[in-house]
Each structure stands twice: as C-alpha cells, then as structure tokens.
C-alpha cells in the first residue's frame, strides 16, 4: 500500500495502530472515522483516516 504525501508516493511499511471514532450521532452530520498510524518508507509516522460516512481518505495534520 502507498500514500501520497506532498505530491510524492511513499510506501507504507506497517500500521502501528488503528482505532475507530463514532461521535455526534445525534446531530445531522455524525462523525464516523477509522484512523491509522502508519510507518512509511522514509522513517516517518503518518496519521491518516477514512471518513466512514463519505468513504474519503484524509491525512491528519499534526
């Protein structure tokens, strides 16, 4: 698997952690996300999440 970071593709070497957040279900726009802490080929830790409502992927900003 790979990620695109700052316009460059990097290889995900492993997933260090993952967790799910389900919140604000009582509102019109609930939050449902799956987070992944990834170790990539450049020695970086990158946090990404998938919005489980829309299916879109995002990088979590530090």
PDB file of N, CA and C in Angstrom:
ATOM      1  N   UNK A   1       0.850  -1.164   0.000  1.00  0.00           N
ATOM      2  CA  UNK A   1       0.000   0.000   0.000  1.00  0.00           C
ATOM      3  C   UNK A   1       0.898   1.230   0.000  1.00  0.00           C
ATOM      4  N   UNK A   2       0.420   2.302  -0.584  1.00  0.00           N
ATOM      5  CA  UNK A   2       1.183   3.542  -0.607  1.00  0.00           C
ATOM      6  C   UNK A   2       0.266   4.719  -0.299  1.00  0.00           C
ATOM      7  N   UNK A   3       0.899   5.818   0.093  1.00  0.00           N
ATOM      8  CA  UNK A   3       0.208   7.076   0.370  1.00  0.00           C
ATOM      9  C   UNK A   3       0.837   8.171  -0.474  1.00  0.00           C
ATOM     10  N   UNK A   4       0.046   9.156  -0.798  1.00  0.00           N
ATOM     11  CA  UNK A   4       0.586  10.318  -1.498  1.00  0.00           C
ATOM     12  C   UNK A   4       0.756  11.433  -0.475  1.00  0.00           C
ATOM     13  N   UNK A   5       2.017  11.838  -0.232  1.00  0.00           N
ATOM     14  CA  UNK A   5       2.331  12.891   0.721  1.00  0.00           C
ATOM     15  C   UNK A   5       3.078  14.005   0.018  1.00  0.00           C
ATOM     16  N   UNK A   6       2.542  15.206   0.079  1.00  0.00           N
ATOM     17  CA  UNK A   6       3.172  16.362  -0.549  1.00  0.00           C
ATOM     18  C   UNK A   6       3.536  16.108  -2.007  1.00  0.00           C
ATOM     19  N   UNK A   7       2.665  15.408  -2.701  1.00  0.00           N
ATOM     20  CA  UNK A   7       2.872  15.158  -4.117  1.00  0.00           C
ATOM     21  C   UNK A   7       3.741  13.964  -4.451  1.00  0.00           C
ATOM     22  N   UNK A   8       4.241  13.245  -3.432  1.00  0.00           N
ATOM     23  CA  UNK A   8       5.110  12.085  -3.654  1.00  0.00           C
ATOM     24  C   UNK A   8       4.484  10.837  -3.061  1.00  0.00           C
ATOM     25  N   UNK A   9       4.661   9.726  -3.735  1.00  0.00           N
ATOM     26  CA  UNK A   9       4.175   8.444  -3.223  1.00  0.00           C
ATOM     27  C   UNK A   9       5.198   7.865  -2.252  1.00  0.00           C
ATOM     28  N   UNK A  10       4.726   7.392  -1.106  1.00  0.00           N
ATOM     29  CA  UNK A  10       5.576   6.712  -0.135  1.00  0.00           C
ATOM     30  C   UNK A  10       4.941   5.362   0.186  1.00  0.00           C
ATOM     31  N   UNK A  11       5.774   4.380   0.449  1.00  0.00           N
ATOM     32  CA  UNK A  11       5.298   3.038   0.757  1.00  0.00           C
ATOM     33  C   UNK A  11       5.002   2.911   2.251  1.00  0.00           C
ATOM     34  N   UNK A  12       3.844   2.357   2.573  1.00  0.00           N
ATOM     35  CA  UNK A  12       3.501   2.082   3.965  1.00  0.00           C
ATOM     36  C   UNK A  12       4.176   0.773   4.347  1.00  0.00           C
ATOM     37  N   UNK A  13       5.106   0.843   5.310  1.00  0.00           N
ATOM     38  CA  UNK A  13       5.814  -0.353   5.752  1.00  0.00           C
ATOM     39  C   UNK A  13       5.006  -1.140   6.780  1.00  0.00           C
ATOM     40  N   UNK A  14       4.286  -0.428   7.638  1.00  0.00           N
ATOM     41  CA  UNK A  14       3.441  -1.117   8.624  1.00  0.00           C
ATOM     42  C   UNK A  14       2.425  -0.140   9.193  1.00  0.00           C
ATOM     43  N   UNK A  15       1.412  -0.704   9.818  1.00  0.00           N
ATOM     44  CA  UNK A  15       0.411   0.083  10.534  1.00  0.00           C
ATOM     45  C   UNK A  15       0.682  -0.137  12.011  1.00  0.00           C
ATOM     46  N   UNK A  16       1.114   0.926  12.707  1.00  0.00           N
ATOM     47  CA  UNK A  16       1.488   0.821  14.109  1.00  0.00           C
ATOM     48  C   UNK A  16       0.263   0.745  15.023  1.00  0.00           C
ATOM     49  N   UNK A  17      -0.824   1.399  14.611  1.00  0.00           N
ATOM     50  CA  UNK A  17      -2.027   1.425  15.444  1.00  0.00           C
ATOM     51  C   UNK A  17      -3.214   1.779  14.570  1.00  0.00           C
ATOM     52  N   UNK A  18      -4.396   1.403  15.036  1.00  0.00           N
ATOM     53  CA  UNK A  18      -5.628   1.802  14.355  1.00  0.00           C
ATOM     54  C   UNK A  18      -6.741   1.858  15.379  1.00  0.00           C
ATOM     55  N   UNK A  19      -7.696   2.754  15.149  1.00  0.00           N
ATOM     56  CA  UNK A  19      -8.829   2.879  16.048  1.00  0.00           C
ATOM     57  C   UNK A  19      -9.972   3.556  15.318  1.00  0.00           C
ATOM     58  N   UNK A  20     -11.159   3.385  15.875  1.00  0.00           N
ATOM     59  CA  UNK A  20     -12.365   3.940  15.259  1.00  0.00           C
ATOM     60  C   UNK A  20     -12.993   4.962  16.199  1.00  0.00           C
ATOM     61  N   UNK A  21     -13.498   6.034  15.606  1.00  0.00           N
ATOM     62  CA  UNK A  21     -14.204   7.088  16.338  1.00  0.00           C
ATOM     63  C   UNK A  21     -15.622   7.182  15.766  1.00  0.00           C
ATOM     64  N   UNK A  22     -16.603   7.064  16.622  1.00  0.00           N
ATOM     65  CA  UNK A  22     -18.009   7.297  16.260  1.00  0.00           C
ATOM     66  C   UNK A  22     -18.537   8.315  17.256  1.00  0.00           C
ATOM     67  N   UNK A  23     -18.906   9.504  16.763  1.00  0.00           N
ATOM     68  CA  UNK A  23     -19.291  10.584  17.658  1.00  0.00           C
ATOM     69  C   UNK A  23     -20.357  11.444  16.993  1.00  0.00           C
ATOM     70  N   UNK A  24     -21.000  12.230  17.779  1.00  0.00           N
ATOM     71  CA  UNK A  24     -22.016  13.186  17.332  1.00  0.00           C
ATOM     72  C   UNK A  24     -23.117  12.528  16.498  1.00  0.00           C
ATOM     73  N   UNK A  25     -23.479  11.314  16.865  1.00  0.00           N
ATOM     74  CA  UNK A  25     -24.518  10.571  16.149  1.00  0.00           C
ATOM     75  C   UNK A  25     -25.877  11.246  16.274  1.00  0.00           C
ATOM     76  N   UNK A  26     -26.038  12.097  17.263  1.00  0.00           N
ATOM     77  CA  UNK A  26     -27.312  12.767  17.486  1.00  0.00           C
ATOM     78  C   UNK A  26     -27.490  13.998  16.604  1.00  0.00           C
ATOM     79  N   UNK A  27     -26.442  14.420  15.933  1.00  0.00           N
ATOM     80  CA  UNK A  27     -26.514  15.602  15.061  1.00  0.00           C
ATOM     81  C   UNK A  27     -26.851  15.197  13.629  1.00  0.00           C
ATOM     82  N   UNK A  28     -27.047  16.177  12.806  1.00  0.00           N
ATOM     83  CA  UNK A  28     -27.368  15.920  11.403  1.00  0.00           C
ATOM     84  C   UNK A  28     -26.207  15.327  10.620  1.00  0.00           C
ATOM     85  N   UNK A  29     -24.968  15.601  11.073  1.00  0.00           N
ATOM     86  CA  UNK A  29     -23.772  15.092  10.388  1.00  0.00           C
ATOM     87  C   UNK A  29     -22.910  14.332  11.393  1.00  0.00           C
ATOM     88  N   UNK A  30     -23.171  13.041  11.566  1.00  0.00           N
ATOM     89  CA  UNK A  30     -22.380  12.270  12.529  1.00  0.00           C
ATOM     90  C   UNK A  30     -20.929  12.119  12.066  1.00  0.00           C
ATOM     91  N   UNK A  31     -20.043  11.873  13.023  1.00  0.00           N
ATOM     92  CA  UNK A  31     -18.632  11.636  12.750  1.00  0.00           C
ATOM     93  C   UNK A  31     -18.366  10.153  12.933  1.00  0.00           C
ATOM     94  N   UNK A  32     -17.894   9.514  11.889  1.00  0.00           N
ATOM     95  CA  UNK A  32     -17.528   8.108  11.947  1.00  0.00           C
ATOM     96  C   UNK A  32     -16.256   7.949  11.127  1.00  0.00           C
ATOM     97  N   UNK A  33     -15.136   7.670  11.827  1.00  0.00           N
ATOM     98  CA  UNK A  33     -13.830   7.618  11.172  1.00  0.00           C
ATOM     99  C   UNK A  33     -13.025   6.427  11.649  1.00  0.00           C
ATOM    100  N   UNK A  34     -12.221   5.907  10.752  1.00  0.00           N
ATOM    101  CA  UNK A  34     -11.251   4.868  11.078  1.00  0.00           C
ATOM    102  C   UNK A  34      -9.874   5.477  10.897  1.00  0.00           C
ATOM    103  N   UNK A  35      -9.098   5.531  11.980  1.00  0.00           N
ATOM    104  CA  UNK A  35      -7.765   6.142  11.979  1.00  0.00           C
ATOM    105  C   UNK A  35      -6.686   5.065  11.874  1.00  0.00           C
ATOM    106  N   UNK A  36      -5.591   5.410  11.185  1.00  0.00           N
ATOM    107  CA  UNK A  36      -4.436   4.517  11.045  1.00  0.00           C
ATOM    108  C   UNK A  36      -3.161   5.316  11.280  1.00  0.00           C
ATOM    109  N   UNK A  37      -2.308   4.815  12.166  1.00  0.00           N
ATOM    110  CA  UNK A  37      -0.979   5.396  12.347  1.00  0.00           C
ATOM    111  C   UNK A  37      -0.027   4.528  11.539  1.00  0.00           C
ATOM    112  N   UNK A  38       0.513   5.077  10.460  1.00  0.00           N
ATOM    113  CA  UNK A  38       1.325   4.312   9.515  1.00  0.00           C
ATOM    114  C   UNK A  38       2.798   4.672   9.625  1.00  0.00           C
ATOM    115  N   UNK A  39       3.644   3.687   9.472  1.00  0.00           N
ATOM    116  CA  UNK A  39       5.078   3.901   9.344  1.00  0.00           C
ATOM    117  C   UNK A  39       5.395   3.770   7.865  1.00  0.00           C
ATOM    118  N   UNK A  40       5.999   4.810   7.294  1.00  0.00           N
ATOM    119  CA  UNK A  40       6.264   4.819   5.859  1.00  0.00           C
ATOM    120  C   UNK A  40       7.756   4.677   5.589  1.00  0.00           C
ATOM    121  N   UNK A  41       8.098   4.460   4.326  1.00  0.00           N
ATOM    122  CA  UNK A  41       9.463   4.103   3.934  1.00  0.00           C
ATOM    123  C   UNK A  41      10.513   5.174   4.209  1.00  0.00           C
ATOM    124  N   UNK A  42      10.118   6.360   4.522  1.00  0.00           N
ATOM    125  CA  UNK A  42      11.091   7.418   4.818  1.00  0.00           C
ATOM    126  C   UNK A  42      11.308   7.582   6.321  1.00  0.00           C
ATOM    127  N   UNK A  43      10.857   6.616   7.105  1.00  0.00           N
ATOM    128  CA  UNK A  43      11.031   6.667   8.544  1.00  0.00           C
ATOM    129  C   UNK A  43      10.056   7.589   9.255  1.00  0.00           C
ATOM    130  N   UNK A  44       9.018   7.997   8.572  1.00  0.00           N
ATOM    131  CA  UNK A  44       8.029   8.911   9.139  1.00  0.00           C
ATOM    132  C   UNK A  44       6.833   8.154   9.683  1.00  0.00           C
ATOM    133  N   UNK A  45       6.215   8.739  10.693  1.00  0.00           N
ATOM    134  CA  UNK A  45       4.919   8.269  11.180  1.00  0.00           C
ATOM    135  C   UNK A  45       3.870   9.206  10.609  1.00  0.00           C
ATOM    136  N   UNK A  46       2.880   8.643   9.966  1.00  0.00           N
ATOM    137  CA  UNK A  46       1.841   9.429   9.308  1.00  0.00           C
ATOM    138  C   UNK A  46       0.490   8.948   9.809  1.00  0.00           C
ATOM    139  N   UNK A  47      -0.370   9.894  10.181  1.00  0.00           N
ATOM    140  CA  UNK A  47      -1.703   9.566  10.640  1.00  0.00           C
ATOM    141  C   UNK A  47      -2.688   9.858   9.513  1.00  0.00           C
ATOM    142  N   UNK A  48      -3.446   8.851   9.121  1.00  0.00           N
ATOM    143  CA  UNK A  48      -4.480   9.035   8.107  1.00  0.00           C
ATOM    144  C   UNK A  48      -5.793   8.498   8.657  1.00  0.00           C
ATOM    145  N   UNK A  49      -6.886   8.977   8.087  1.00  0.00           N
ATOM    146  CA  UNK A  49      -8.179   8.421   8.479  1.00  0.00           C
ATOM    147  C   UNK A  49      -9.109   8.359   7.288  1.00  0.00           C
ATOM    148  N   UNK A  50     -10.032   7.423   7.382  1.00  0.00           N
ATOM    149  CA  UNK A  50     -11.079   7.294   6.372  1.00  0.00           C
ATOM    150  C   UNK A  50     -12.382   7.743   7.001  1.00  0.00           C
ATOM    151  N   UNK A  51     -13.039   8.677   6.340  1.00  0.00           N
ATOM    152  CA  UNK A  51     -14.365   9.109   6.755  1.00  0.00           C
ATOM    153  C   UNK A  51     -15.326   7.997   6.339  1.00  0.00           C
ATOM    154  N   UNK A  52     -15.892   7.297   7.309  1.00  0.00           N
ATOM    155  CA  UNK A  52     -16.749   6.149   7.006  1.00  0.00           C
ATOM    156  C   UNK A  52     -18.127   6.562   6.508  1.00  0.00           C
ATOM    157  N   UNK A  53     -18.457   7.841   6.615  1.00  0.00           N
ATOM    158  CA  UNK A  53     -19.730   8.351   6.086  1.00  0.00           C
ATOM    159  C   UNK A  53     -19.600   8.599   4.590  1.00  0.00           C
ATOM    160  N   UNK A  54     -18.494   9.250   4.176  1.00  0.00           N
ATOM    161  CA  UNK A  54     -18.312   9.614   2.765  1.00  0.00           C
ATOM    162  C   UNK A  54     -17.407   8.650   2.002  1.00  0.00           C
ATOM    163  N   UNK A  55     -16.564   7.899   2.731  1.00  0.00           N
ATOM    164  CA  UNK A  55     -15.612   6.994   2.086  1.00  0.00           C
ATOM    165  C   UNK A  55     -14.305   7.671   1.689  1.00  0.00           C
ATOM    166  N   UNK A  56     -14.166   8.959   1.957  1.00  0.00           N
ATOM    167  CA  UNK A  56     -12.966   9.715   1.594  1.00  0.00           C
ATOM    168  C   UNK A  56     -11.829   9.477   2.593  1.00  0.00           C
ATOM    169  N   UNK A  57     -10.576   9.593   2.094  1.00  0.00           N
ATOM    170  CA  UNK A  57      -9.375   9.466   2.912  1.00  0.00           C
ATOM    171  C   UNK A  57      -8.751  10.833   3.137  1.00  0.00           C
ATOM    172  N   UNK A  58      -8.169  11.039   4.339  1.00  0.00           N
ATOM    173  CA  UNK A  58      -7.528  12.294   4.691  1.00  0.00           C
ATOM    174  C   UNK A  58      -6.261  12.025   5.503  1.00  0.00           C
ATOM    175  N   UNK A  59      -5.331  12.962   5.441  1.00  0.00           N
ATOM    176  CA  UNK A  59      -4.174  12.914   6.325  1.00  0.00           C
ATOM    177  C   UNK A  59      -4.476  13.801   7.522  1.00  0.00           C
ATOM    178  N   UNK A  60      -4.268  13.263   8.726  1.00  0.00           N
ATOM    179  CA  UNK A  60      -4.444  14.033   9.942  1.00  0.00           C
ATOM    180  C   UNK A  60      -3.266  14.967  10.103  1.00  0.00           C
ATOM    181  N   UNK A  61      -3.512  16.228  10.248  1.00  0.00           N
ATOM    182  CA  UNK A  61      -2.442  17.204  10.430  1.00  0.00           C
ATOM    183  C   UNK A  61      -1.927  17.126  11.867  1.00  0.00           C
ATOM    184  N   UNK A  62      -0.587  17.257  12.038  1.00  0.00           N
ATOM    185  CA  UNK A  62      -0.024  17.179  13.407  1.00  0.00           C
ATOM    186  C   UNK A  62      -0.430  18.346  14.275  1.00  0.00           C
TER     187      UNK A  62
END
